[in-house]
C-alpha cells in the first residue's frame, strides 16, 4: 500500500464495526437476584465479540472507529459510567440511553502519538445505571513509523580509487503533523559526511529531501549514521539513514562485533571475510593481530552465487587469552590480507552464554 493511501485510511472519519452478536463472555453479573436477572437479559443483547484488530496505523496520527450495540431487551439501558484508563483514547457514546430494540454507537478516538509501543492492546468498559457488572471492550493493532522512502538497510558505498567521494539523494515521505529536529551525525571518524536537507510539497505529499556527500581519503571501511529526531516525541526513531563506505581495496567482515563468554574455557566464533568480487583469496595469506599463543584461526575459501567469493573464518579464543583481545588498542582482533586495508573485529565479554 502506498504511503498516502495508508495515511488516508488512518485519518478517515469513522470505521464502523457492527458486532451485533447475541452475548458477551466478559460481562460478569453481580449484585442482587434482580440485578442478575436484568444482566441476563443484557447479556442476550450485547455483542459477543468486543475484541477488534484495527490493523496497522502510522505513529503520530488520530483515528476513529465505532462499535454498534443493540438493546434487545424490553427495558431501556442507561449509561452510568465509561471506564477508560489510557490517555491515548477518548471513548464516547452516541446516546446516554438505549431504548428497547434501539442501538447505540460506542465511539473511540485513538491518538497513536500516545501509544509508545509498536504492538498495542487497549481496553475500556461501560457500566449501566442501577446494575452491577460492566461490559468490557478490547482492541489491538500496531503502529508503523510515519515515514516512507527510508532505506531499511545501510546504503553500501564502494570505490577502489582514492580519494573516494559519494553523493546520495533521499526522498522521504513525512506526515505534515511531524516536525523534525536538525540532523544528528555519528561517524567513526574515518568517513567525512556533509548533509543538506529541505522540505517540499509534491503530489499532495510532504517530503524531506536529503542530499549527502561522503568522502574518504584512506583505504578502509567507514560508517556513518544520520538521524533526524522527531521533536517532543522521543520514542519515535525519526528518520535514520545509515552508510557503509568501502574505500580503496578494502576488506569487510561480518559480524564486526562479537561477545565472547567468560565462563567458557574456550570461546569460538565464525566470521565471513569479503573483498572486491574479483579478488581471489588465498587463506594462507591471511594474518591477524594480536596473535598470542593459544588463539587459533581456521580459514576456508568459499564461493557462491548469492554471497560471492569470501573467506570463512573460525576464531578460537581460550579463556586465558581474553585480556589480550579486549585490552589492546583496538579492543579486538585486526585481520590483514596483502593489498587490502586491514579490518577489525571488536570483542566484548559476557558471563552469560
C-alpha atoms as a PDB file:
ATOM      1  CA  UNK A   1       0.000   0.000   0.000  1.00  0.00           C
ATOM      2  CA  UNK A   2       1.271   3.466  -0.860  1.00  0.00           C
ATOM      3  CA  UNK A   3       2.180   5.824   1.989  1.00  0.00           C
ATOM      4  CA  UNK A   4      -0.559   8.321   1.015  1.00  0.00           C
ATOM      5  CA  UNK A   5      -3.187   5.558   0.910  1.00  0.00           C
ATOM      6  CA  UNK A   6      -2.152   4.342   4.351  1.00  0.00           C
ATOM      7  CA  UNK A   7      -2.402   7.840   5.759  1.00  0.00           C
ATOM      8  CA  UNK A   8      -5.835   8.362   4.214  1.00  0.00           C
ATOM      9  CA  UNK A   9      -7.071   5.146   5.766  1.00  0.00           C
ATOM     10  CA  UNK A  10      -5.689   6.115   9.163  1.00  0.00           C
ATOM     11  CA  UNK A  11      -7.334   9.533   9.181  1.00  0.00           C
ATOM     12  CA  UNK A  12     -10.772   8.515   7.959  1.00  0.00           C
ATOM     13  CA  UNK A  13     -13.708   9.927   9.903  1.00  0.00           C
ATOM     14  CA  UNK A  14     -15.083   6.621  11.209  1.00  0.00           C
ATOM     15  CA  UNK A  15     -14.653   2.901  10.683  1.00  0.00           C
ATOM     16  CA  UNK A  16     -17.831   1.190  11.847  1.00  0.00           C
ATOM     17  CA  UNK A  17     -17.592  -2.312  13.294  1.00  0.00           C
ATOM     18  CA  UNK A  18     -21.101  -3.772  13.597  1.00  0.00           C
ATOM     19  CA  UNK A  19     -20.612  -6.597  16.073  1.00  0.00           C
ATOM     20  CA  UNK A  20     -24.255  -7.282  16.918  1.00  0.00           C
ATOM     21  CA  UNK A  21     -23.979 -10.890  18.127  1.00  0.00           C
ATOM     22  CA  UNK A  22     -26.029 -12.334  20.977  1.00  0.00           C
ATOM     23  CA  UNK A  23     -23.843 -12.481  24.100  1.00  0.00           C
ATOM     24  CA  UNK A  24     -20.623 -11.303  25.759  1.00  0.00           C
ATOM     25  CA  UNK A  25     -18.403 -13.598  27.755  1.00  0.00           C
ATOM     26  CA  UNK A  26     -16.704 -10.843  29.761  1.00  0.00           C
ATOM     27  CA  UNK A  27     -19.940  -9.397  31.170  1.00  0.00           C
ATOM     28  CA  UNK A  28     -19.963 -10.665  34.760  1.00  0.00           C
ATOM     29  CA  UNK A  29     -23.300 -10.193  36.603  1.00  0.00           C
ATOM     30  CA  UNK A  30     -23.005  -9.234  40.262  1.00  0.00           C
ATOM     31  CA  UNK A  31     -25.282  -7.946  42.989  1.00  0.00           C
ATOM     32  CA  UNK A  32     -28.892  -8.885  43.789  1.00  0.00           C
ATOM     33  CA  UNK A  33     -31.062 -11.533  42.163  1.00  0.00           C
ATOM     34  CA  UNK A  34     -32.981  -8.848  40.277  1.00  0.00           C
ATOM     35  CA  UNK A  35     -29.720  -7.368  39.026  1.00  0.00           C
ATOM     36  CA  UNK A  36     -28.615 -10.759  37.794  1.00  0.00           C
ATOM     37  CA  UNK A  37     -31.926 -11.212  36.053  1.00  0.00           C
ATOM     38  CA  UNK A  38     -31.608  -7.904  34.250  1.00  0.00           C
ATOM     39  CA  UNK A  39     -27.994  -8.628  33.409  1.00  0.00           C
ATOM     40  CA  UNK A  40     -29.015 -11.948  31.907  1.00  0.00           C
ATOM     41  CA  UNK A  41     -31.263 -10.008  29.528  1.00  0.00           C
ATOM     42  CA  UNK A  42     -28.446  -7.595  28.727  1.00  0.00           C
ATOM     43  CA  UNK A  43     -26.096 -10.484  28.058  1.00  0.00           C
ATOM     44  CA  UNK A  44     -28.542 -11.550  25.370  1.00  0.00           C
ATOM     45  CA  UNK A  45     -28.461  -8.074  23.834  1.00  0.00           C
ATOM     46  CA  UNK A  46     -24.761  -7.163  23.883  1.00  0.00           C
ATOM     47  CA  UNK A  47     -22.218  -8.028  21.152  1.00  0.00           C
ATOM     48  CA  UNK A  48     -20.482 -11.352  21.627  1.00  0.00           C
ATOM     49  CA  UNK A  49     -17.134 -10.134  20.304  1.00  0.00           C
ATOM     50  CA  UNK A  50     -15.893  -6.817  21.571  1.00  0.00           C
ATOM     51  CA  UNK A  51     -12.286  -7.668  20.627  1.00  0.00           C
ATOM     52  CA  UNK A  52     -11.174  -5.963  17.419  1.00  0.00           C
ATOM     53  CA  UNK A  53      -7.980  -5.782  15.414  1.00  0.00           C
ATOM     54  CA  UNK A  54      -7.733  -2.300  13.907  1.00  0.00           C
ATOM     55  CA  UNK A  55      -4.622  -3.136  11.883  1.00  0.00           C
ATOM     56  CA  UNK A  56      -1.553  -1.008  11.206  1.00  0.00           C
ATOM     57  CA  UNK A  57      -1.591   2.756  11.772  1.00  0.00           C
ATOM     58  CA  UNK A  58       1.164   5.328  11.301  1.00  0.00           C
ATOM     59  CA  UNK A  59       2.510   6.691  14.563  1.00  0.00           C
ATOM     60  CA  UNK A  60       1.504  10.260  15.491  1.00  0.00           C
ATOM     61  CA  UNK A  61      -1.954  10.228  13.885  1.00  0.00           C
ATOM     62  CA  UNK A  62      -5.502  10.195  15.247  1.00  0.00           C
ATOM     63  CA  UNK A  63      -8.026   7.645  14.035  1.00  0.00           C
ATOM     64  CA  UNK A  64     -11.684   6.935  14.867  1.00  0.00           C
ATOM     65  CA  UNK A  65     -13.700   3.736  14.921  1.00  0.00           C
ATOM     66  CA  UNK A  66     -17.001   2.615  16.452  1.00  0.00           C
ATOM     67  CA  UNK A  67     -18.803  -0.355  17.952  1.00  0.00           C
ATOM     68  CA  UNK A  68     -22.557  -0.783  17.383  1.00  0.00           C
ATOM     69  CA  UNK A  69     -24.549  -2.075  20.368  1.00  0.00           C
ATOM     70  CA  UNK A  70     -28.179  -3.198  20.011  1.00  0.00           C
ATOM     71  CA  UNK A  71     -30.544  -3.396  23.008  1.00  0.00           C
ATOM     72  CA  UNK A  72     -32.674  -6.491  22.523  1.00  0.00           C
ATOM     73  CA  UNK A  73     -34.317  -6.298  25.961  1.00  0.00           C
ATOM     74  CA  UNK A  74     -37.701  -4.819  26.835  1.00  0.00           C
ATOM     75  CA  UNK A  75     -36.107  -2.197  29.117  1.00  0.00           C
ATOM     76  CA  UNK A  76     -34.042   0.907  28.346  1.00  0.00           C
ATOM     77  CA  UNK A  77     -30.312   0.702  29.102  1.00  0.00           C
ATOM     78  CA  UNK A  78     -28.874   3.923  30.523  1.00  0.00           C
ATOM     79  CA  UNK A  79     -25.116   4.522  30.546  1.00  0.00           C
ATOM     80  CA  UNK A  80     -23.854   5.116  34.082  1.00  0.00           C
ATOM     81  CA  UNK A  81     -20.111   5.414  33.532  1.00  0.00           C
ATOM     82  CA  UNK A  82     -17.409   4.969  30.913  1.00  0.00           C
ATOM     83  CA  UNK A  83     -14.184   3.476  32.285  1.00  0.00           C
ATOM     84  CA  UNK A  84     -11.121   4.410  30.223  1.00  0.00           C
ATOM     85  CA  UNK A  85      -7.652   4.406  31.786  1.00  0.00           C
ATOM     86  CA  UNK A  86      -5.377   5.067  28.787  1.00  0.00           C
ATOM     87  CA  UNK A  87      -4.762   8.732  27.845  1.00  0.00           C
ATOM     88  CA  UNK A  88      -4.351   7.601  24.254  1.00  0.00           C
ATOM     89  CA  UNK A  89      -8.107   7.005  23.818  1.00  0.00           C
ATOM     90  CA  UNK A  90     -11.279   9.037  24.211  1.00  0.00           C
ATOM     91  CA  UNK A  91     -14.477   6.958  24.439  1.00  0.00           C
ATOM     92  CA  UNK A  92     -17.933   8.469  23.891  1.00  0.00           C
ATOM     93  CA  UNK A  93     -21.396   7.153  23.120  1.00  0.00           C
ATOM     94  CA  UNK A  94     -23.932   8.447  20.634  1.00  0.00           C
ATOM     95  CA  UNK A  95     -26.638   8.485  23.319  1.00  0.00           C
ATOM     96  CA  UNK A  96     -26.870   8.145  27.091  1.00  0.00           C
ATOM     97  CA  UNK A  97     -29.786   5.729  26.874  1.00  0.00           C
ATOM     98  CA  UNK A  98     -30.562   2.859  24.516  1.00  0.00           C
ATOM     99  CA  UNK A  99     -34.297   2.311  24.155  1.00  0.00           C
ATOM    100  CA  UNK A 100     -35.693  -1.210  23.849  1.00  0.00           C
ATOM    101  CA  UNK A 101     -34.768  -2.612  20.403  1.00  0.00           C
ATOM    102  CA  UNK A 102     -32.669   0.505  19.818  1.00  0.00           C
ATOM    103  CA  UNK A 103     -28.974   0.902  19.008  1.00  0.00           C
ATOM    104  CA  UNK A 104     -26.064   2.969  20.257  1.00  0.00           C
ATOM    105  CA  UNK A 105     -22.621   3.750  18.833  1.00  0.00           C
ATOM    106  CA  UNK A 106     -19.615   3.448  21.103  1.00  0.00           C
ATOM    107  CA  UNK A 107     -17.059   5.763  19.514  1.00  0.00           C
ATOM    108  CA  UNK A 108     -13.301   5.500  20.109  1.00  0.00           C
ATOM    109  CA  UNK A 109     -10.834   8.239  19.204  1.00  0.00           C
ATOM    110  CA  UNK A 110      -7.286   6.863  19.318  1.00  0.00           C
ATOM    111  CA  UNK A 111      -4.191   9.083  19.352  1.00  0.00           C
ATOM    112  CA  UNK A 112      -1.261   6.886  18.312  1.00  0.00           C
ATOM    113  CA  UNK A 113       1.263   9.530  19.419  1.00  0.00           C
ATOM    114  CA  UNK A 114       0.453   8.382  22.960  1.00  0.00           C
ATOM    115  CA  UNK A 115       0.916   4.693  22.173  1.00  0.00           C
ATOM    116  CA  UNK A 116       4.569   4.092  22.990  1.00  0.00           C
ATOM    117  CA  UNK A 117       4.969   0.579  21.595  1.00  0.00           C
ATOM    118  CA  UNK A 118       4.807  -0.949  18.137  1.00  0.00           C
ATOM    119  CA  UNK A 119       2.168  -3.544  19.104  1.00  0.00           C
ATOM    120  CA  UNK A 120      -0.588  -2.498  21.468  1.00  0.00           C
ATOM    121  CA  UNK A 121      -3.801  -3.696  23.134  1.00  0.00           C
ATOM    122  CA  UNK A 122      -6.223  -1.311  24.853  1.00  0.00           C
ATOM    123  CA  UNK A 123      -9.422  -1.880  26.851  1.00  0.00           C
ATOM    124  CA  UNK A 124     -12.317   0.166  28.191  1.00  0.00           C
ATOM    125  CA  UNK A 125     -15.649  -0.662  29.814  1.00  0.00           C
ATOM    126  CA  UNK A 126     -19.255   0.576  30.140  1.00  0.00           C
ATOM    127  CA  UNK A 127     -21.442   0.451  33.244  1.00  0.00           C
ATOM    128  CA  UNK A 128     -25.249   0.772  33.273  1.00  0.00           C
ATOM    129  CA  UNK A 129     -27.220   2.670  35.887  1.00  0.00           C
ATOM    130  CA  UNK A 130     -28.842   0.541  38.565  1.00  0.00           C
ATOM    131  CA  UNK A 131     -26.987  -2.609  37.552  1.00  0.00           C
ATOM    132  CA  UNK A 132     -23.791  -4.219  38.792  1.00  0.00           C
ATOM    133  CA  UNK A 133     -21.178  -5.549  36.411  1.00  0.00           C
ATOM    134  CA  UNK A 134     -19.625  -3.964  33.364  1.00  0.00           C
ATOM    135  CA  UNK A 135     -19.233  -4.582  29.654  1.00  0.00           C
ATOM    136  CA  UNK A 136     -15.605  -4.652  28.533  1.00  0.00           C
ATOM    137  CA  UNK A 137     -14.261  -3.775  25.094  1.00  0.00           C
ATOM    138  CA  UNK A 138     -10.819  -4.590  23.736  1.00  0.00           C
ATOM    139  CA  UNK A 139      -8.954  -3.701  20.547  1.00  0.00           C
ATOM    140  CA  UNK A 140      -5.433  -4.267  19.300  1.00  0.00           C
ATOM    141  CA  UNK A 141      -3.195  -3.096  16.480  1.00  0.00           C
ATOM    142  CA  UNK A 142       0.283  -1.888  15.718  1.00  0.00           C
ATOM    143  CA  UNK A 143       1.935   1.407  14.898  1.00  0.00           C
ATOM    144  CA  UNK A 144       4.292   1.954  11.988  1.00  0.00           C
ATOM    145  CA  UNK A 145       6.932   4.599  11.501  1.00  0.00           C
ATOM    146  CA  UNK A 146       5.284   7.668   9.905  1.00  0.00           C
ATOM    147  CA  UNK A 147       7.813   7.866   7.075  1.00  0.00           C
ATOM    148  CA  UNK A 148       8.233   6.320   3.645  1.00  0.00           C
ATOM    149  CA  UNK A 149      11.287   6.001   1.443  1.00  0.00           C
ATOM    150  CA  UNK A 150      13.739   5.379   4.295  1.00  0.00           C
ATOM    151  CA  UNK A 151      16.211   2.593   3.340  1.00  0.00           C
ATOM    152  CA  UNK A 152      15.717  -0.376   5.648  1.00  0.00           C
ATOM    153  CA  UNK A 153      19.352  -1.492   5.319  1.00  0.00           C
ATOM    154  CA  UNK A 154      22.595   0.522   5.309  1.00  0.00           C
ATOM    155  CA  UNK A 155      23.481   2.132   1.991  1.00  0.00           C
ATOM    156  CA  UNK A 156      26.642   0.494   0.652  1.00  0.00           C
ATOM    157  CA  UNK A 157      29.197   2.890  -0.868  1.00  0.00           C
ATOM    158  CA  UNK A 158      32.153   1.393  -2.742  1.00  0.00           C
ATOM    159  CA  UNK A 159      35.142   2.805  -4.581  1.00  0.00           C
ATOM    160  CA  UNK A 160      38.551   1.269  -5.301  1.00  0.00           C
ATOM    161  CA  UNK A 161      40.058   4.652  -6.188  1.00  0.00           C
ATOM    162  CA  UNK A 162      41.267   7.203  -3.647  1.00  0.00           C
ATOM    163  CA  UNK A 163      40.238   9.739  -2.589  1.00  0.00           C
ATOM    164  CA  UNK A 164      36.667   8.416  -2.758  1.00  0.00           C
ATOM    165  CA  UNK A 165      33.603  10.689  -2.982  1.00  0.00           C
ATOM    166  CA  UNK A 166      29.962   9.551  -2.981  1.00  0.00           C
ATOM    167  CA  UNK A 167      26.784  11.620  -3.448  1.00  0.00           C
ATOM    168  CA  UNK A 168      23.399  10.243  -2.355  1.00  0.00           C
ATOM    169  CA  UNK A 169      19.912  11.734  -2.655  1.00  0.00           C
ATOM    170  CA  UNK A 170      16.998  10.578  -0.472  1.00  0.00           C
ATOM    171  CA  UNK A 171      13.297  11.497  -0.785  1.00  0.00           C
ATOM    172  CA  UNK A 172      11.479  10.758   2.483  1.00  0.00           C
ATOM    173  CA  UNK A 173       7.679  10.946   2.732  1.00  0.00           C
ATOM    174  CA  UNK A 174       6.683  12.556   6.020  1.00  0.00           C
ATOM    175  CA  UNK A 175       3.392  13.397   7.748  1.00  0.00           C
ATOM    176  CA  UNK A 176       2.526  17.088   7.894  1.00  0.00           C
ATOM    177  CA  UNK A 177       1.969  16.873  11.671  1.00  0.00           C
ATOM    178  CA  UNK A 178       5.590  15.912  12.304  1.00  0.00           C
ATOM    179  CA  UNK A 179       8.381  18.371  12.983  1.00  0.00           C
ATOM    180  CA  UNK A 180      11.915  17.034  12.677  1.00  0.00           C
ATOM    181  CA  UNK A 181      14.891  18.435  14.514  1.00  0.00           C
ATOM    182  CA  UNK A 182      18.214  19.158  12.744  1.00  0.00           C
ATOM    183  CA  UNK A 183      20.157  16.009  11.833  1.00  0.00           C
ATOM    184  CA  UNK A 184      22.490  14.360  14.319  1.00  0.00           C
ATOM    185  CA  UNK A 185      25.542  12.888  12.606  1.00  0.00           C
ATOM    186  CA  UNK A 186      27.533   9.973  14.026  1.00  0.00           C
ATOM    187  CA  UNK A 187      30.640   8.624  12.256  1.00  0.00           C
ATOM    188  CA  UNK A 188      33.630   6.511  13.152  1.00  0.00           C
ATOM    189  CA  UNK A 189      35.893   9.434  12.259  1.00  0.00           C
ATOM    190  CA  UNK A 190      37.179   7.969   9.015  1.00  0.00           C
ATOM    191  CA  UNK A 191      34.215   8.924   6.832  1.00  0.00           C
ATOM    192  CA  UNK A 192      33.586  12.633   6.241  1.00  0.00           C
ATOM    193  CA  UNK A 193      29.915  13.468   5.689  1.00  0.00           C
ATOM    194  CA  UNK A 194      28.051  16.667   4.740  1.00  0.00           C
ATOM    195  CA  UNK A 195      24.240  16.758   4.956  1.00  0.00           C
ATOM    196  CA  UNK A 196      21.821  19.225   3.300  1.00  0.00           C
ATOM    197  CA  UNK A 197      18.047  18.872   3.717  1.00  0.00           C
ATOM    198  CA  UNK A 198      14.834  20.716   2.865  1.00  0.00           C
ATOM    199  CA  UNK A 199      11.051  20.161   2.782  1.00  0.00           C
ATOM    200  CA  UNK A 200       8.947  20.193  -0.391  1.00  0.00           C
ATOM    201  CA  UNK A 201       5.317  19.501  -1.295  1.00  0.00           C
ATOM    202  CA  UNK A 202       4.971  17.044  -4.187  1.00  0.00           C
ATOM    203  CA  UNK A 203       1.865  15.179  -5.428  1.00  0.00           C
ATOM    204  CA  UNK A 204      -0.062  16.278  -2.360  1.00  0.00           C
ATOM    205  CA  UNK A 205       2.558  14.767  -0.060  1.00  0.00           C
ATOM    206  CA  UNK A 206       5.126  16.409   2.155  1.00  0.00           C
ATOM    207  CA  UNK A 207       8.662  15.227   1.517  1.00  0.00           C
ATOM    208  CA  UNK A 208      12.034  15.664   3.153  1.00  0.00           C
ATOM    209  CA  UNK A 209      14.816  15.866   0.561  1.00  0.00           C
ATOM    210  CA  UNK A 210      18.224  14.865   1.915  1.00  0.00           C
ATOM    211  CA  UNK A 211      21.486  15.221  -0.011  1.00  0.00           C
ATOM    212  CA  UNK A 212      24.540  13.518   1.473  1.00  0.00           C
ATOM    213  CA  UNK A 213      28.117  13.934   0.255  1.00  0.00           C
ATOM    214  CA  UNK A 214      30.535  11.411   1.784  1.00  0.00           C
ATOM    215  CA  UNK A 215      34.283  11.200   1.304  1.00  0.00           C
ATOM    216  CA  UNK A 216      37.240   9.171   2.484  1.00  0.00           C
ATOM    217  CA  UNK A 217      40.928   9.717   1.754  1.00  0.00           C
ATOM    218  CA  UNK A 218      42.375   6.449   3.053  1.00  0.00           C
ATOM    219  CA  UNK A 219      41.634   2.851   2.224  1.00  0.00           C
ATOM    220  CA  UNK A 220      39.340   1.078   4.630  1.00  0.00           C
ATOM    221  CA  UNK A 221      35.788   0.838   5.898  1.00  0.00           C
ATOM    222  CA  UNK A 222      33.877   3.866   7.187  1.00  0.00           C
ATOM    223  CA  UNK A 223      30.440   4.032   8.834  1.00  0.00           C
ATOM    224  CA  UNK A 224      28.035   6.913   9.379  1.00  0.00           C
ATOM    225  CA  UNK A 225      24.524   7.342  10.788  1.00  0.00           C
ATOM    226  CA  UNK A 226      22.359  10.385  10.006  1.00  0.00           C
ATOM    227  CA  UNK A 227      19.373  10.770  12.333  1.00  0.00           C
ATOM    228  CA  UNK A 228      16.613  13.376  12.180  1.00  0.00           C
ATOM    229  CA  UNK A 229      14.880  13.167  15.611  1.00  0.00           C
ATOM    230  CA  UNK A 230      11.161  13.892  15.972  1.00  0.00           C
ATOM    231  CA  UNK A 231      10.522  16.980  18.089  1.00  0.00           C
ATOM    232  CA  UNK A 232       8.949  16.313  21.523  1.00  0.00           C
ATOM    233  CA  UNK A 233       8.391  12.593  20.834  1.00  0.00           C
ATOM    234  CA  UNK A 234      11.451  10.611  21.869  1.00  0.00           C
ATOM    235  CA  UNK A 235      10.021   7.126  21.401  1.00  0.00           C
ATOM    236  CA  UNK A 236       9.739   7.523  17.611  1.00  0.00           C
ATOM    237  CA  UNK A 237      13.080   6.820  15.947  1.00  0.00           C
ATOM    238  CA  UNK A 238      12.720   9.612  13.427  1.00  0.00           C
ATOM    239  CA  UNK A 239      14.418   9.400  10.036  1.00  0.00           C
ATOM    240  CA  UNK A 240      17.561   7.278  10.280  1.00  0.00           C
ATOM    241  CA  UNK A 241      19.970   6.868   7.359  1.00  0.00           C
ATOM    242  CA  UNK A 242      22.978   4.548   7.642  1.00  0.00           C
ATOM    243  CA  UNK A 243      26.016   4.476   5.368  1.00  0.00           C
ATOM    244  CA  UNK A 244      28.719   1.824   4.961  1.00  0.00           C
ATOM    245  CA  UNK A 245      31.617   3.033   2.782  1.00  0.00           C
ATOM    246  CA  UNK A 246      34.381   0.839   1.360  1.00  0.00           C
ATOM    247  CA  UNK A 247      37.261   2.928   0.008  1.00  0.00           C
ATOM    248  CA  UNK A 248      40.227   1.512  -1.886  1.00  0.00           C
ATOM    249  CA  UNK A 249      40.895  -2.216  -1.775  1.00  0.00           C
ATOM    250  CA  UNK A 250      39.119  -2.873   1.458  1.00  0.00           C
ATOM    251  CA  UNK A 251      38.067  -5.974   3.328  1.00  0.00           C
ATOM    252  CA  UNK A 252      34.745  -6.286   5.115  1.00  0.00           C
ATOM    253  CA  UNK A 253      33.903  -8.701   7.916  1.00  0.00           C
ATOM    254  CA  UNK A 254      30.541  -9.846   9.293  1.00  0.00           C
ATOM    255  CA  UNK A 255      29.895  -9.764  12.150  1.00  0.00           C
ATOM    256  CA  UNK A 256      32.307  -6.991  13.073  1.00  0.00           C
ATOM    257  CA  UNK A 257      31.474  -7.087  16.804  1.00  0.00           C
ATOM    258  CA  UNK A 258      31.181 -10.245  18.921  1.00  0.00           C
ATOM    259  CA  UNK A 259      30.705 -11.250  22.550  1.00  0.00           C
ATOM    260  CA  UNK A 260      33.000 -13.924  23.995  1.00  0.00           C
ATOM    261  CA  UNK A 261      31.692 -15.802  27.032  1.00  0.00           C
ATOM    262  CA  UNK A 262      33.953 -15.682  30.083  1.00  0.00           C
ATOM    263  CA  UNK A 263      32.525 -18.741  31.786  1.00  0.00           C
ATOM    264  CA  UNK A 264      33.609 -20.999  28.910  1.00  0.00           C
ATOM    265  CA  UNK A 265      37.118 -22.421  28.834  1.00  0.00           C
ATOM    266  CA  UNK A 266      37.194 -21.779  25.093  1.00  0.00           C
ATOM    267  CA  UNK A 267      35.056 -19.357  23.054  1.00  0.00           C
ATOM    268  CA  UNK A 268      34.507 -19.999  19.342  1.00  0.00           C
ATOM    269  CA  UNK A 269      33.021 -17.621  16.790  1.00  0.00           C
ATOM    270  CA  UNK A 270      32.611 -17.689  13.000  1.00  0.00           C
ATOM    271  CA  UNK A 271      33.068 -14.797  10.547  1.00  0.00           C
ATOM    272  CA  UNK A 272      32.808 -14.072   6.864  1.00  0.00           C
ATOM    273  CA  UNK A 273      35.595 -12.006   5.321  1.00  0.00           C
ATOM    274  CA  UNK A 274      34.994 -10.414   1.905  1.00  0.00           C
ATOM    275  CA  UNK A 275      36.737  -8.114  -0.527  1.00  0.00           C
ATOM    276  CA  UNK A 276      36.009  -6.987  -4.107  1.00  0.00           C
ATOM    277  CA  UNK A 277      34.127  -9.660  -6.034  1.00  0.00           C
ATOM    278  CA  UNK A 278      37.037 -10.269  -8.406  1.00  0.00           C
ATOM    279  CA  UNK A 279      39.550 -10.927  -5.604  1.00  0.00           C
ATOM    280  CA  UNK A 280      40.960 -14.448  -5.449  1.00  0.00           C
ATOM    281  CA  UNK A 281      41.628 -15.045  -1.778  1.00  0.00           C
ATOM    282  CA  UNK A 282      44.313 -17.378  -0.515  1.00  0.00           C
ATOM    283  CA  UNK A 283      43.511 -18.296   3.101  1.00  0.00           C
ATOM    284  CA  UNK A 284      47.196 -18.972   3.749  1.00  0.00           C
ATOM    285  CA  UNK A 285      47.991 -15.260   3.210  1.00  0.00           C
ATOM    286  CA  UNK A 286      45.598 -14.070   5.905  1.00  0.00           C
ATOM    287  CA  UNK A 287      47.217 -12.767   9.130  1.00  0.00           C
ATOM    288  CA  UNK A 288      45.818 -11.370  12.370  1.00  0.00           C
ATOM    289  CA  UNK A 289      46.942  -9.376  15.374  1.00  0.00           C
ATOM    290  CA  UNK A 290      47.289  -9.839  18.264  1.00  0.00           C
ATOM    291  CA  UNK A 291      48.246 -13.479  17.884  1.00  0.00           C
ATOM    292  CA  UNK A 292      49.183 -14.743  21.360  1.00  0.00           C
ATOM    293  CA  UNK A 293      49.880 -18.412  21.805  1.00  0.00           C
ATOM    294  CA  UNK A 294      46.610 -20.299  22.109  1.00  0.00           C
ATOM    295  CA  UNK A 295      44.436 -18.211  19.773  1.00  0.00           C
ATOM    296  CA  UNK A 296      43.773 -20.030  16.523  1.00  0.00           C
ATOM    297  CA  UNK A 297      42.013 -19.009  13.322  1.00  0.00           C
ATOM    298  CA  UNK A 298      40.994 -21.562  10.740  1.00  0.00           C
ATOM    299  CA  UNK A 299      40.080 -20.238   7.307  1.00  0.00           C
ATOM    300  CA  UNK A 300      38.472 -21.684   4.223  1.00  0.00           C
ATOM    301  CA  UNK A 301      37.862 -20.119   0.810  1.00  0.00           C
ATOM    302  CA  UNK A 302      34.249 -20.357  -0.355  1.00  0.00           C
ATOM    303  CA  UNK A 303      32.269 -19.136  -3.341  1.00  0.00           C
ATOM    304  CA  UNK A 304      28.551 -18.938  -4.084  1.00  0.00           C
ATOM    305  CA  UNK A 305      26.249 -17.015  -6.418  1.00  0.00           C
ATOM    306  CA  UNK A 306      24.498 -15.272  -3.502  1.00  0.00           C
ATOM    307  CA  UNK A 307      27.489 -14.415  -1.272  1.00  0.00           C
ATOM    308  CA  UNK A 308      30.274 -14.269  -3.861  1.00  0.00           C
ATOM    309  CA  UNK A 309      33.913 -15.065  -3.084  1.00  0.00           C
ATOM    310  CA  UNK A 310      34.737 -14.999   0.600  1.00  0.00           C
ATOM    311  CA  UNK A 311      36.894 -16.457   3.336  1.00  0.00           C
ATOM    312  CA  UNK A 312      35.055 -18.281   6.105  1.00  0.00           C
ATOM    313  CA  UNK A 313      36.857 -17.874   9.444  1.00  0.00           C
ATOM    314  CA  UNK A 314      36.599 -19.779  12.715  1.00  0.00           C
ATOM    315  CA  UNK A 315      38.130 -17.972  15.697  1.00  0.00           C
ATOM    316  CA  UNK A 316      39.039 -19.921  18.851  1.00  0.00           C
ATOM    317  CA  UNK A 317      39.981 -17.915  21.984  1.00  0.00           C
ATOM    318  CA  UNK A 318      40.950 -19.704  25.240  1.00  0.00           C
ATOM    319  CA  UNK A 319      39.775 -18.013  28.429  1.00  0.00           C
ATOM    320  CA  UNK A 320      43.347 -17.096  29.388  1.00  0.00           C
ATOM    321  CA  UNK A 321      43.752 -15.130  26.128  1.00  0.00           C
ATOM    322  CA  UNK A 322      40.718 -12.872  26.571  1.00  0.00           C
ATOM    323  CA  UNK A 323      42.731  -9.992  28.098  1.00  0.00           C
ATOM    324  CA  UNK A 324      44.940  -9.961  25.001  1.00  0.00           C
ATOM    325  CA  UNK A 325      41.989  -9.265  22.673  1.00  0.00           C
ATOM    326  CA  UNK A 326      39.935  -6.969  24.935  1.00  0.00           C
ATOM    327  CA  UNK A 327      42.559  -4.573  26.292  1.00  0.00           C
ATOM    328  CA  UNK A 328      44.678  -3.805  23.211  1.00  0.00           C
ATOM    329  CA  UNK A 329      44.423  -0.624  21.140  1.00  0.00           C
ATOM    330  CA  UNK A 330      41.500  -1.808  19.009  1.00  0.00           C
ATOM    331  CA  UNK A 331      39.861  -3.977  21.744  1.00  0.00           C
ATOM    332  CA  UNK A 332      39.679  -6.906  19.388  1.00  0.00           C
ATOM    333  CA  UNK A 333      41.498  -8.601  16.511  1.00  0.00           C
ATOM    334  CA  UNK A 334      42.737  -6.995  13.288  1.00  0.00           C
ATOM    335  CA  UNK A 335      42.768  -9.149  10.146  1.00  0.00           C
ATOM    336  CA  UNK A 336      45.117  -8.298   7.271  1.00  0.00           C
ATOM    337  CA  UNK A 337      45.481  -9.514   3.698  1.00  0.00           C
ATOM    338  CA  UNK A 338      48.134  -8.377   1.172  1.00  0.00           C
ATOM    339  CA  UNK A 339      46.961  -5.458  -0.976  1.00  0.00           C
ATOM    340  CA  UNK A 340      43.935  -4.655   1.199  1.00  0.00           C
ATOM    341  CA  UNK A 341      43.301  -2.280   4.076  1.00  0.00           C
ATOM    342  CA  UNK A 342      43.001  -4.242   7.358  1.00  0.00           C
ATOM    343  CA  UNK A 343      39.666  -4.838   9.059  1.00  0.00           C
ATOM    344  CA  UNK A 344      38.831  -5.128  12.759  1.00  0.00           C
ATOM    345  CA  UNK A 345      36.642  -7.498  14.741  1.00  0.00           C
ATOM    346  CA  UNK A 346      35.742  -5.817  18.047  1.00  0.00           C
ATOM    347  CA  UNK A 347      35.462  -8.135  21.060  1.00  0.00           C
ATOM    348  CA  UNK A 348      33.364  -7.785  24.210  1.00  0.00           C
ATOM    349  CA  UNK A 349      32.961 -10.215  27.081  1.00  0.00           C
ATOM    350  CA  UNK A 350      29.969 -11.583  28.929  1.00  0.00           C
ATOM    351  CA  UNK A 351      29.457 -14.043  31.757  1.00  0.00           C
ATOM    352  CA  UNK A 352      26.267 -15.393  30.150  1.00  0.00           C
ATOM    353  CA  UNK A 353      26.158 -17.601  27.111  1.00  0.00           C
END
